[in-house]
Amino acid sequence: MRGDRQDQQKKLSDEQLVLNAQSDKTAIGELIARYICTVEFLAKKYGAEVHEDLVQEGLMGLLGAVRTYREDKNAKFSTYATKCIKNKIISSVHRNALLSGGEEADLEAILGGGGTVPEEVVVEREELNELYDKITSALSEQEWQVFQSFLRGMSYNQIALGLGTSEKAVDNAMQRVRRKLRSLLR
């Protein structure tokens, strides 16, 4: 039954998943899986030296997009989500530049970028950190490596070659990852 639910989620449009995300955390997991490559790409584009921090900011932007998306505004969720992710990452880069005394940051972009209140940022970061901690503690080292490689868009064959294991072992690890993530997100 759980596999059926996940298969159904994969068939849904992003907009349908956003609607489901209000009551079904597995829908959020599916959206994260769909958009992690976008988040990774934008994070790398705007700051390779603080990549992990920017990935977290990008994921907070995605969660914000899920929370604030309105279908009646006639925009595709993918367009809206990408804009929210990009704005969140750019705001973080500007904020860090201002705090470190680097290049002068555009104050309007810092204050208005992303439209979030500082308290919301803290709550989002705490939620994201909590989810990250749950995932990393639930997965074995091999499962974590396989999962990260999968989210980067690598095929099972590429993952197997990179980890020096078989495709079947990668497939088995991904099955365990999916099972553990489903139970975590319920």
N, C-alpha and C. Protein backbone atom coordinates (compact mmCIF):
# COMPACT_ATOMS: atom_id res chain seq x y z
N MET A 1 0.82 -1.20 0.00
CA MET A 1 0.00 0.00 0.00
C MET A 1 0.87 1.26 0.00
N ARG A 2 1.96 1.24 0.78
CA ARG A 2 2.84 2.40 0.82
C ARG A 2 3.46 2.66 -0.54
N GLY A 3 3.88 1.58 -1.22
CA GLY A 3 4.46 1.72 -2.55
C GLY A 3 3.47 2.31 -3.53
N ASP A 4 2.20 1.90 -3.42
CA ASP A 4 1.15 2.44 -4.28
C ASP A 4 1.01 3.94 -4.07
N ARG A 5 1.06 4.37 -2.83
CA ARG A 5 0.92 5.80 -2.52
C ARG A 5 2.07 6.59 -3.12
N GLN A 6 3.29 6.05 -3.00
CA GLN A 6 4.44 6.74 -3.56
C GLN A 6 4.35 6.78 -5.08
N ASP A 7 3.92 5.68 -5.70
CA ASP A 7 3.75 5.66 -7.15
C ASP A 7 2.71 6.68 -7.59
N GLN A 8 1.63 6.79 -6.83
CA GLN A 8 0.60 7.79 -7.15
C GLN A 8 1.17 9.19 -7.05
N GLN A 9 1.99 9.45 -6.03
CA GLN A 9 2.60 10.77 -5.85
C GLN A 9 3.47 11.13 -7.05
N LYS A 10 4.21 10.16 -7.57
CA LYS A 10 5.10 10.41 -8.70
C LYS A 10 4.32 10.81 -9.95
N LYS A 11 3.08 10.36 -10.06
CA LYS A 11 2.25 10.66 -11.23
C LYS A 11 1.57 12.02 -11.14
N LEU A 12 1.53 12.61 -9.95
CA LEU A 12 0.84 13.88 -9.77
C LEU A 12 1.67 15.05 -10.30
N SER A 13 0.98 16.10 -10.72
CA SER A 13 1.67 17.31 -11.13
C SER A 13 2.20 18.01 -9.88
N ASP A 14 3.11 18.94 -10.08
CA ASP A 14 3.64 19.71 -8.95
C ASP A 14 2.52 20.44 -8.23
N GLU A 15 1.59 21.01 -9.00
CA GLU A 15 0.49 21.76 -8.41
C GLU A 15 -0.38 20.86 -7.52
N GLN A 16 -0.63 19.64 -7.97
CA GLN A 16 -1.41 18.70 -7.16
C GLN A 16 -0.66 18.31 -5.90
N LEU A 17 0.65 18.13 -6.01
CA LEU A 17 1.46 17.80 -4.83
C LEU A 17 1.44 18.93 -3.81
N VAL A 18 1.47 20.17 -4.30
CA VAL A 18 1.42 21.32 -3.39
C VAL A 18 0.12 21.30 -2.60
N LEU A 19 -0.99 21.02 -3.28
CA LEU A 19 -2.27 20.92 -2.58
C LEU A 19 -2.25 19.80 -1.55
N ASN A 20 -1.67 18.66 -1.92
CA ASN A 20 -1.59 17.52 -1.01
C ASN A 20 -0.65 17.78 0.16
N ALA A 21 0.34 18.64 -0.05
CA ALA A 21 1.37 18.88 0.97
C ALA A 21 0.79 19.47 2.25
N GLN A 22 -0.38 20.08 2.16
CA GLN A 22 -0.99 20.65 3.36
C GLN A 22 -1.33 19.57 4.38
N SER A 23 -1.64 18.36 3.90
CA SER A 23 -2.04 17.29 4.82
C SER A 23 -1.19 16.03 4.68
N ASP A 24 -0.28 16.00 3.73
CA ASP A 24 0.49 14.78 3.47
C ASP A 24 1.97 15.12 3.32
N LYS A 25 2.76 14.78 4.32
CA LYS A 25 4.18 15.13 4.29
C LYS A 25 4.96 14.37 3.22
N THR A 26 4.44 13.24 2.76
CA THR A 26 5.15 12.54 1.68
C THR A 26 5.11 13.35 0.39
N ALA A 27 4.09 14.20 0.24
CA ALA A 27 4.03 15.07 -0.94
C ALA A 27 5.18 16.08 -0.89
N ILE A 28 5.50 16.58 0.29
CA ILE A 28 6.63 17.50 0.44
C ILE A 28 7.92 16.77 0.07
N GLY A 29 8.05 15.54 0.53
CA GLY A 29 9.24 14.75 0.19
C GLY A 29 9.39 14.56 -1.31
N GLU A 30 8.28 14.32 -1.99
CA GLU A 30 8.31 14.16 -3.45
C GLU A 30 8.71 15.48 -4.12
N LEU A 31 8.19 16.61 -3.62
CA LEU A 31 8.56 17.91 -4.19
C LEU A 31 10.05 18.19 -3.97
N ILE A 32 10.55 17.86 -2.78
CA ILE A 32 11.98 18.05 -2.51
C ILE A 32 12.80 17.21 -3.48
N ALA A 33 12.40 15.96 -3.68
CA ALA A 33 13.12 15.09 -4.62
C ALA A 33 13.10 15.67 -6.03
N ARG A 34 11.99 16.27 -6.43
CA ARG A 34 11.88 16.85 -7.77
C ARG A 34 12.71 18.12 -7.93
N TYR A 35 12.86 18.90 -6.88
CA TYR A 35 13.50 20.21 -6.99
C TYR A 35 14.91 20.28 -6.41
N ILE A 36 15.43 19.18 -5.85
CA ILE A 36 16.75 19.24 -5.24
C ILE A 36 17.83 19.60 -6.26
N CYS A 37 17.70 19.14 -7.49
CA CYS A 37 18.70 19.47 -8.51
C CYS A 37 18.69 20.97 -8.83
N THR A 38 17.50 21.56 -8.87
CA THR A 38 17.38 23.01 -9.08
C THR A 38 18.04 23.75 -7.93
N VAL A 39 17.76 23.31 -6.71
CA VAL A 39 18.35 23.94 -5.52
C VAL A 39 19.87 23.83 -5.58
N GLU A 40 20.37 22.64 -5.87
CA GLU A 40 21.83 22.41 -5.95
C GLU A 40 22.45 23.29 -7.02
N PHE A 41 21.82 23.36 -8.19
CA PHE A 41 22.35 24.17 -9.29
C PHE A 41 22.44 25.64 -8.90
N LEU A 42 21.34 26.17 -8.35
CA LEU A 42 21.33 27.59 -7.98
C LEU A 42 22.30 27.88 -6.84
N ALA A 43 22.41 26.97 -5.89
CA ALA A 43 23.34 27.16 -4.78
C ALA A 43 24.78 27.21 -5.30
N LYS A 44 25.09 26.33 -6.23
CA LYS A 44 26.44 26.29 -6.80
C LYS A 44 26.71 27.56 -7.61
N LYS A 45 25.69 28.02 -8.31
CA LYS A 45 25.83 29.21 -9.16
C LYS A 45 26.15 30.46 -8.35
N TYR A 46 25.57 30.57 -7.15
CA TYR A 46 25.72 31.79 -6.38
C TYR A 46 26.76 31.73 -5.27
N GLY A 47 27.36 30.59 -5.04
CA GLY A 47 28.39 30.57 -4.00
C GLY A 47 28.91 29.18 -3.72
N ALA A 48 29.95 28.80 -4.43
CA ALA A 48 30.50 27.45 -4.25
C ALA A 48 31.12 27.26 -2.87
N GLU A 49 31.66 28.34 -2.29
CA GLU A 49 32.35 28.19 -1.01
C GLU A 49 31.38 27.98 0.16
N VAL A 50 30.14 28.37 0.02
CA VAL A 50 29.14 28.16 1.08
C VAL A 50 27.98 27.33 0.53
N HIS A 51 28.32 26.36 -0.28
CA HIS A 51 27.34 25.56 -1.01
C HIS A 51 26.28 24.94 -0.09
N GLU A 52 26.70 24.26 0.97
CA GLU A 52 25.75 23.58 1.85
C GLU A 52 24.78 24.57 2.49
N ASP A 53 25.29 25.73 2.93
CA ASP A 53 24.41 26.74 3.52
C ASP A 53 23.39 27.23 2.50
N LEU A 54 23.84 27.43 1.27
CA LEU A 54 22.93 27.92 0.24
C LEU A 54 21.92 26.85 -0.17
N VAL A 55 22.31 25.59 -0.10
CA VAL A 55 21.35 24.51 -0.37
C VAL A 55 20.25 24.56 0.69
N GLN A 56 20.64 24.75 1.95
CA GLN A 56 19.63 24.86 3.02
C GLN A 56 18.72 26.06 2.78
N GLU A 57 19.31 27.18 2.40
CA GLU A 57 18.50 28.37 2.10
C GLU A 57 17.55 28.08 0.94
N GLY A 58 18.05 27.42 -0.09
CA GLY A 58 17.22 27.08 -1.24
C GLY A 58 16.07 26.16 -0.86
N LEU A 59 16.34 25.18 0.01
CA LEU A 59 15.27 24.29 0.47
C LEU A 59 14.24 25.06 1.29
N MET A 60 14.70 26.04 2.07
CA MET A 60 13.74 26.87 2.81
C MET A 60 12.88 27.67 1.83
N GLY A 61 13.50 28.14 0.74
CA GLY A 61 12.74 28.83 -0.30
C GLY A 61 11.70 27.92 -0.93
N LEU A 62 12.07 26.67 -1.16
CA LEU A 62 11.12 25.69 -1.71
C LEU A 62 9.97 25.45 -0.74
N LEU A 63 10.28 25.26 0.54
CA LEU A 63 9.21 25.06 1.53
C LEU A 63 8.30 26.28 1.61
N GLY A 64 8.90 27.47 1.51
CA GLY A 64 8.10 28.69 1.49
C GLY A 64 7.19 28.74 0.27
N ALA A 65 7.71 28.30 -0.87
CA ALA A 65 6.91 28.27 -2.10
C ALA A 65 5.74 27.31 -1.95
N VAL A 66 5.97 26.17 -1.33
CA VAL A 66 4.89 25.20 -1.10
C VAL A 66 3.82 25.83 -0.23
N ARG A 67 4.25 26.56 0.79
CA ARG A 67 3.31 27.16 1.74
C ARG A 67 2.52 28.33 1.13
N THR A 68 3.14 29.08 0.22
CA THR A 68 2.50 30.32 -0.25
C THR A 68 1.97 30.27 -1.68
N TYR A 69 2.19 29.16 -2.39
CA TYR A 69 1.75 29.07 -3.78
C TYR A 69 0.23 29.17 -3.89
N ARG A 70 -0.21 29.98 -4.87
CA ARG A 70 -1.64 30.12 -5.14
C ARG A 70 -1.88 29.83 -6.61
N GLU A 71 -2.61 28.76 -6.84
CA GLU A 71 -2.88 28.31 -8.20
C GLU A 71 -3.68 29.35 -8.99
N ASP A 72 -4.48 30.14 -8.30
CA ASP A 72 -5.33 31.12 -8.98
C ASP A 72 -4.55 32.30 -9.56
N LYS A 73 -3.25 32.37 -9.31
CA LYS A 73 -2.42 33.45 -9.86
C LYS A 73 -1.91 33.12 -11.26
N ASN A 74 -2.33 31.97 -11.80
CA ASN A 74 -2.00 31.56 -13.18
C ASN A 74 -0.50 31.45 -13.46
N ALA A 75 0.25 30.98 -12.49
CA ALA A 75 1.67 30.70 -12.69
C ALA A 75 1.90 29.23 -12.36
N LYS A 76 2.76 28.60 -13.13
CA LYS A 76 3.10 27.21 -12.83
C LYS A 76 3.89 27.17 -11.53
N PHE A 77 3.72 26.10 -10.77
CA PHE A 77 4.45 25.99 -9.52
C PHE A 77 5.96 25.98 -9.77
N SER A 78 6.40 25.33 -10.85
CA SER A 78 7.83 25.25 -11.12
C SER A 78 8.45 26.64 -11.29
N THR A 79 7.73 27.53 -11.97
CA THR A 79 8.21 28.90 -12.14
C THR A 79 8.26 29.62 -10.80
N TYR A 80 7.19 29.50 -10.04
CA TYR A 80 7.11 30.16 -8.74
C TYR A 80 8.17 29.62 -7.78
N ALA A 81 8.31 28.30 -7.73
CA ALA A 81 9.27 27.68 -6.82
C ALA A 81 10.70 28.09 -7.16
N THR A 82 11.02 28.07 -8.44
CA THR A 82 12.37 28.46 -8.85
C THR A 82 12.67 29.89 -8.45
N LYS A 83 11.69 30.77 -8.62
CA LYS A 83 11.88 32.18 -8.23
C LYS A 83 12.07 32.29 -6.72
N CYS A 84 11.27 31.56 -5.94
CA CYS A 84 11.39 31.60 -4.48
C CYS A 84 12.75 31.06 -4.03
N ILE A 85 13.17 29.96 -4.63
CA ILE A 85 14.47 29.36 -4.29
C ILE A 85 15.59 30.35 -4.60
N LYS A 86 15.54 30.91 -5.81
CA LYS A 86 16.58 31.86 -6.23
C LYS A 86 16.60 33.08 -5.32
N ASN A 87 15.43 33.64 -5.01
CA ASN A 87 15.37 34.81 -4.14
C ASN A 87 15.94 34.52 -2.76
N LYS A 88 15.63 33.35 -2.23
CA LYS A 88 16.11 32.98 -0.89
C LYS A 88 17.63 32.86 -0.90
N ILE A 89 18.19 32.25 -1.93
CA ILE A 89 19.64 32.10 -2.04
C ILE A 89 20.31 33.45 -2.22
N ILE A 90 19.77 34.28 -3.11
CA ILE A 90 20.35 35.61 -3.34
C ILE A 90 20.28 36.45 -2.07
N SER A 91 19.16 36.39 -1.36
CA SER A 91 19.03 37.13 -0.10
C SER A 91 20.10 36.70 0.89
N SER A 92 20.36 35.42 0.95
CA SER A 92 21.38 34.90 1.86
C SER A 92 22.77 35.40 1.46
N VAL A 93 23.06 35.39 0.16
CA VAL A 93 24.35 35.88 -0.33
C VAL A 93 24.51 37.36 0.01
N HIS A 94 23.47 38.15 -0.22
CA HIS A 94 23.52 39.59 0.10
C HIS A 94 23.69 39.81 1.59
N ARG A 95 22.94 39.07 2.38
CA ARG A 95 23.00 39.21 3.84
C ARG A 95 24.41 38.87 4.34
N ASN A 96 24.98 37.79 3.83
CA ASN A 96 26.33 37.39 4.24
C ASN A 96 27.37 38.40 3.79
N ALA A 97 27.19 38.98 2.60
CA ALA A 97 28.12 40.00 2.12
C ALA A 97 28.06 41.23 3.01
N LEU A 98 26.86 41.61 3.41
CA LEU A 98 26.69 42.78 4.28
C LEU A 98 27.30 42.52 5.65
N LEU A 99 27.06 41.33 6.21
CA LEU A 99 27.57 40.99 7.53
C LEU A 99 29.09 40.86 7.54
N SER A 100 29.67 40.39 6.44
CA SER A 100 31.12 40.19 6.41
C SER A 100 31.85 41.44 5.94
N GLY A 101 31.12 42.50 5.65
CA GLY A 101 31.75 43.74 5.23
C GLY A 101 32.28 43.67 3.81
N GLY A 102 31.81 42.71 3.06
CA GLY A 102 32.22 42.54 1.66
C GLY A 102 31.56 43.59 0.80
N GLU A 103 31.30 43.25 -0.44
CA GLU A 103 30.68 44.21 -1.35
C GLU A 103 29.35 44.69 -0.78
N GLU A 104 29.03 45.92 -1.08
CA GLU A 104 27.82 46.51 -0.53
C GLU A 104 26.59 45.79 -1.07
N ALA A 105 25.76 45.34 -0.17
CA ALA A 105 24.55 44.61 -0.56
C ALA A 105 23.39 45.58 -0.75
N ASP A 106 22.50 45.26 -1.66
CA ASP A 106 21.33 46.06 -1.91
C ASP A 106 20.36 45.88 -0.74
N LEU A 107 20.16 46.94 0.06
CA LEU A 107 19.34 46.85 1.26
C LEU A 107 17.92 46.42 0.93
N GLU A 108 17.38 46.90 -0.17
CA GLU A 108 16.02 46.53 -0.54
C GLU A 108 15.92 45.03 -0.81
N ALA A 109 16.93 44.46 -1.46
CA ALA A 109 16.93 43.02 -1.73
C ALA A 109 17.02 42.24 -0.43
N ILE A 110 17.79 42.74 0.54
CA ILE A 110 17.92 42.05 1.82
C ILE A 110 16.62 42.11 2.60
N LEU A 111 16.03 43.28 2.67
CA LEU A 111 14.81 43.43 3.46
C LEU A 111 13.59 42.87 2.77
N GLY A 112 13.54 42.97 1.45
CA GLY A 112 12.33 42.55 0.74
C GLY A 112 12.45 41.22 0.04
N GLY A 113 13.65 40.69 -0.09
CA GLY A 113 13.86 39.45 -0.83
C GLY A 113 13.21 38.27 -0.16
N GLY A 114 12.30 37.61 -0.88
CA GLY A 114 11.68 36.41 -0.35
C GLY A 114 10.44 36.69 0.45
N GLY A 115 10.27 37.91 0.96
CA GLY A 115 9.06 38.28 1.68
C GLY A 115 8.84 37.54 2.98
N THR A 116 9.89 37.07 3.63
CA THR A 116 9.70 36.33 4.87
C THR A 116 10.10 37.18 6.06
N VAL A 117 9.43 36.94 7.15
CA VAL A 117 9.70 37.61 8.41
C VAL A 117 10.83 36.84 9.08
N PRO A 118 11.74 37.51 9.81
CA PRO A 118 12.85 36.80 10.45
C PRO A 118 12.41 35.60 11.29
N GLU A 119 11.28 35.72 11.98
CA GLU A 119 10.80 34.60 12.79
C GLU A 119 10.48 33.39 11.91
N GLU A 120 9.92 33.66 10.72
CA GLU A 120 9.60 32.58 9.80
C GLU A 120 10.88 31.90 9.32
N VAL A 121 11.92 32.70 9.09
CA VAL A 121 13.20 32.15 8.64
C VAL A 121 13.75 31.21 9.71
N VAL A 122 13.68 31.63 10.96
CA VAL A 122 14.18 30.80 12.05
C VAL A 122 13.39 29.50 12.14
N VAL A 123 12.07 29.61 12.06
CA VAL A 123 11.22 28.42 12.13
C VAL A 123 11.51 27.48 10.96
N GLU A 124 11.62 28.05 9.75
CA GLU A 124 11.90 27.23 8.57
C GLU A 124 13.26 26.53 8.71
N ARG A 125 14.26 27.28 9.18
CA ARG A 125 15.60 26.70 9.34
C ARG A 125 15.57 25.58 10.37
N GLU A 126 14.85 25.79 11.47
CA GLU A 126 14.74 24.75 12.50
C GLU A 126 14.04 23.51 11.95
N GLU A 127 12.96 23.72 11.18
CA GLU A 127 12.25 22.59 10.58
C GLU A 127 13.15 21.82 9.62
N LEU A 128 13.89 22.57 8.81
CA LEU A 128 14.79 21.95 7.85
C LEU A 128 15.91 21.20 8.55
N ASN A 129 16.51 21.81 9.58
CA ASN A 129 17.57 21.15 10.33
C ASN A 129 17.05 19.90 11.03
N GLU A 130 15.84 19.98 11.55
CA GLU A 130 15.23 18.82 12.22
C GLU A 130 15.01 17.69 11.21
N LEU A 131 14.50 18.02 10.04
CA LEU A 131 14.29 17.02 9.00
C LEU A 131 15.63 16.42 8.56
N TYR A 132 16.62 17.26 8.37
CA TYR A 132 17.96 16.79 7.97
C TYR A 132 18.53 15.84 9.02
N ASP A 133 18.42 16.21 10.30
CA ASP A 133 18.92 15.36 11.39
C ASP A 133 18.20 14.02 11.41
N LYS A 134 16.89 14.05 11.23
CA LYS A 134 16.12 12.80 11.22
C LYS A 134 16.57 11.89 10.08
N ILE A 135 16.75 12.49 8.91
CA ILE A 135 17.14 11.70 7.74
C ILE A 135 18.53 11.12 7.93
N THR A 136 19.49 11.96 8.36
CA THR A 136 20.86 11.46 8.50
C THR A 136 20.99 10.42 9.60
N SER A 137 20.20 10.54 10.65
CA SER A 137 20.29 9.54 11.72
C SER A 137 19.57 8.23 11.34
N ALA A 138 18.59 8.32 10.46
CA ALA A 138 17.84 7.12 10.07
C ALA A 138 18.58 6.28 9.02
N LEU A 139 19.41 6.94 8.22
CA LEU A 139 20.08 6.24 7.13
C LEU A 139 21.49 5.80 7.53
N SER A 140 21.89 4.64 7.01
CA SER A 140 23.27 4.19 7.20
C SER A 140 24.18 5.05 6.33
N GLU A 141 25.47 4.93 6.53
CA GLU A 141 26.43 5.71 5.74
C GLU A 141 26.28 5.41 4.25
N GLN A 142 26.15 4.12 3.91
CA GLN A 142 25.99 3.75 2.50
C GLN A 142 24.67 4.30 1.94
N GLU A 143 23.59 4.18 2.70
CA GLU A 143 22.30 4.69 2.24
C GLU A 143 22.37 6.20 2.03
N TRP A 144 23.04 6.90 2.93
CA TRP A 144 23.18 8.36 2.82
C TRP A 144 23.95 8.72 1.56
N GLN A 145 25.06 8.02 1.28
CA GLN A 145 25.85 8.30 0.09
C GLN A 145 25.04 8.01 -1.18
N VAL A 146 24.33 6.91 -1.18
CA VAL A 146 23.50 6.55 -2.34
C VAL A 146 22.41 7.60 -2.54
N PHE A 147 21.76 8.00 -1.45
CA PHE A 147 20.68 8.99 -1.52
C PHE A 147 21.19 10.33 -2.05
N GLN A 148 22.32 10.81 -1.54
CA GLN A 148 22.87 12.08 -2.01
C GLN A 148 23.21 12.00 -3.50
N SER A 149 23.81 10.90 -3.91
CA SER A 149 24.16 10.73 -5.32
C SER A 149 22.91 10.70 -6.19
N PHE A 150 21.88 10.01 -5.72
CA PHE A 150 20.62 9.94 -6.45
C PHE A 150 19.99 11.33 -6.60
N LEU A 151 20.02 12.12 -5.52
CA LEU A 151 19.44 13.46 -5.58
C LEU A 151 20.22 14.38 -6.51
N ARG A 152 21.47 14.08 -6.74
CA ARG A 152 22.28 14.87 -7.68
C ARG A 152 22.03 14.46 -9.13
N GLY A 153 21.13 13.47 -9.31
CA GLY A 153 20.75 13.07 -10.66
C GLY A 153 21.58 11.94 -11.24
N MET A 154 22.37 11.28 -10.42
CA MET A 154 23.19 10.18 -10.92
C MET A 154 22.34 8.93 -11.12
N SER A 155 22.69 8.14 -12.14
CA SER A 155 21.99 6.88 -12.39
C SER A 155 22.50 5.83 -11.39
N TYR A 156 21.76 4.74 -11.27
CA TYR A 156 22.20 3.65 -10.39
C TYR A 156 23.57 3.14 -10.82
N ASN A 157 23.80 3.06 -12.11
CA ASN A 157 25.09 2.59 -12.63
C ASN A 157 26.21 3.54 -12.20
N GLN A 158 26.00 4.85 -12.35
CA GLN A 158 27.01 5.83 -11.95
C GLN A 158 27.28 5.77 -10.45
N ILE A 159 26.21 5.62 -9.67
CA ILE A 159 26.37 5.53 -8.21
C ILE A 159 27.18 4.28 -7.86
N ALA A 160 26.84 3.16 -8.49
CA ALA A 160 27.54 1.90 -8.22
C ALA A 160 29.03 2.03 -8.54
N LEU A 161 29.34 2.63 -9.68
CA LEU A 161 30.75 2.82 -10.05
C LEU A 161 31.46 3.72 -9.05
N GLY A 162 30.81 4.80 -8.66
CA GLY A 162 31.40 5.75 -7.72
C GLY A 162 31.65 5.16 -6.34
N LEU A 163 30.77 4.27 -5.91
CA LEU A 163 30.90 3.67 -4.58
C LEU A 163 31.59 2.31 -4.60
N GLY A 164 31.90 1.82 -5.80
CA GLY A 164 32.56 0.53 -5.91
C GLY A 164 31.69 -0.63 -5.48
N THR A 165 30.43 -0.58 -5.88
CA THR A 165 29.48 -1.64 -5.51
C THR A 165 28.65 -2.00 -6.74
N SER A 166 27.70 -2.88 -6.59
CA SER A 166 26.87 -3.29 -7.73
C SER A 166 25.61 -2.43 -7.83
N GLU A 167 25.02 -2.44 -9.02
CA GLU A 167 23.76 -1.72 -9.21
C GLU A 167 22.67 -2.29 -8.32
N LYS A 168 22.69 -3.60 -8.12
CA LYS A 168 21.69 -4.24 -7.26
C LYS A 168 21.82 -3.74 -5.83
N ALA A 169 23.05 -3.56 -5.35
CA ALA A 169 23.26 -3.03 -3.99
C ALA A 169 22.74 -1.60 -3.90
N VAL A 170 22.94 -0.82 -4.97
CA VAL A 170 22.43 0.56 -5.00
C VAL A 170 20.91 0.54 -4.99
N ASP A 171 20.32 -0.33 -5.80
CA ASP A 171 18.86 -0.44 -5.84
C ASP A 171 18.31 -0.84 -4.47
N ASN A 172 18.94 -1.81 -3.83
CA ASN A 172 18.51 -2.23 -2.49
C ASN A 172 18.62 -1.08 -1.49
N ALA A 173 19.72 -0.33 -1.57
CA ALA A 173 19.90 0.81 -0.66
C ALA A 173 18.81 1.85 -0.90
N MET A 174 18.48 2.12 -2.17
CA MET A 174 17.44 3.10 -2.47
C MET A 174 16.07 2.63 -1.98
N GLN A 175 15.81 1.34 -2.06
CA GLN A 175 14.54 0.81 -1.54
C GLN A 175 14.46 1.05 -0.03
N ARG A 176 15.58 0.81 0.67
CA ARG A 176 15.60 1.06 2.12
C ARG A 176 15.44 2.54 2.42
N VAL A 177 16.11 3.39 1.62
CA VAL A 177 16.00 4.84 1.81
C VAL A 177 14.55 5.28 1.65
N ARG A 178 13.90 4.83 0.59
CA ARG A 178 12.49 5.20 0.35
C ARG A 178 11.60 4.76 1.51
N ARG A 179 11.81 3.53 1.96
CA ARG A 179 11.01 3.01 3.07
C ARG A 179 11.22 3.85 4.33
N LYS A 180 12.47 4.17 4.63
CA LYS A 180 12.77 4.96 5.83
C LYS A 180 12.24 6.38 5.71
N LEU A 181 12.37 6.99 4.53
CA LEU A 181 11.86 8.35 4.35
C LEU A 181 10.34 8.40 4.47
N ARG A 182 9.67 7.40 3.90
CA ARG A 182 8.21 7.36 4.03
C ARG A 182 7.80 7.29 5.50
N SER A 183 8.48 6.46 6.27
CA SER A 183 8.10 6.34 7.69
C SER A 183 8.45 7.61 8.46
N LEU A 184 9.54 8.29 8.08
CA LEU A 184 9.90 9.55 8.74
C LEU A 184 8.92 10.68 8.44
N LEU A 185 8.41 10.70 7.22
CA LEU A 185 7.58 11.81 6.78
C LEU A 185 6.10 11.61 7.07
N ARG A 186 5.76 10.57 7.77
CA ARG A 186 4.35 10.33 8.13
C ARG A 186 4.02 11.03 9.40
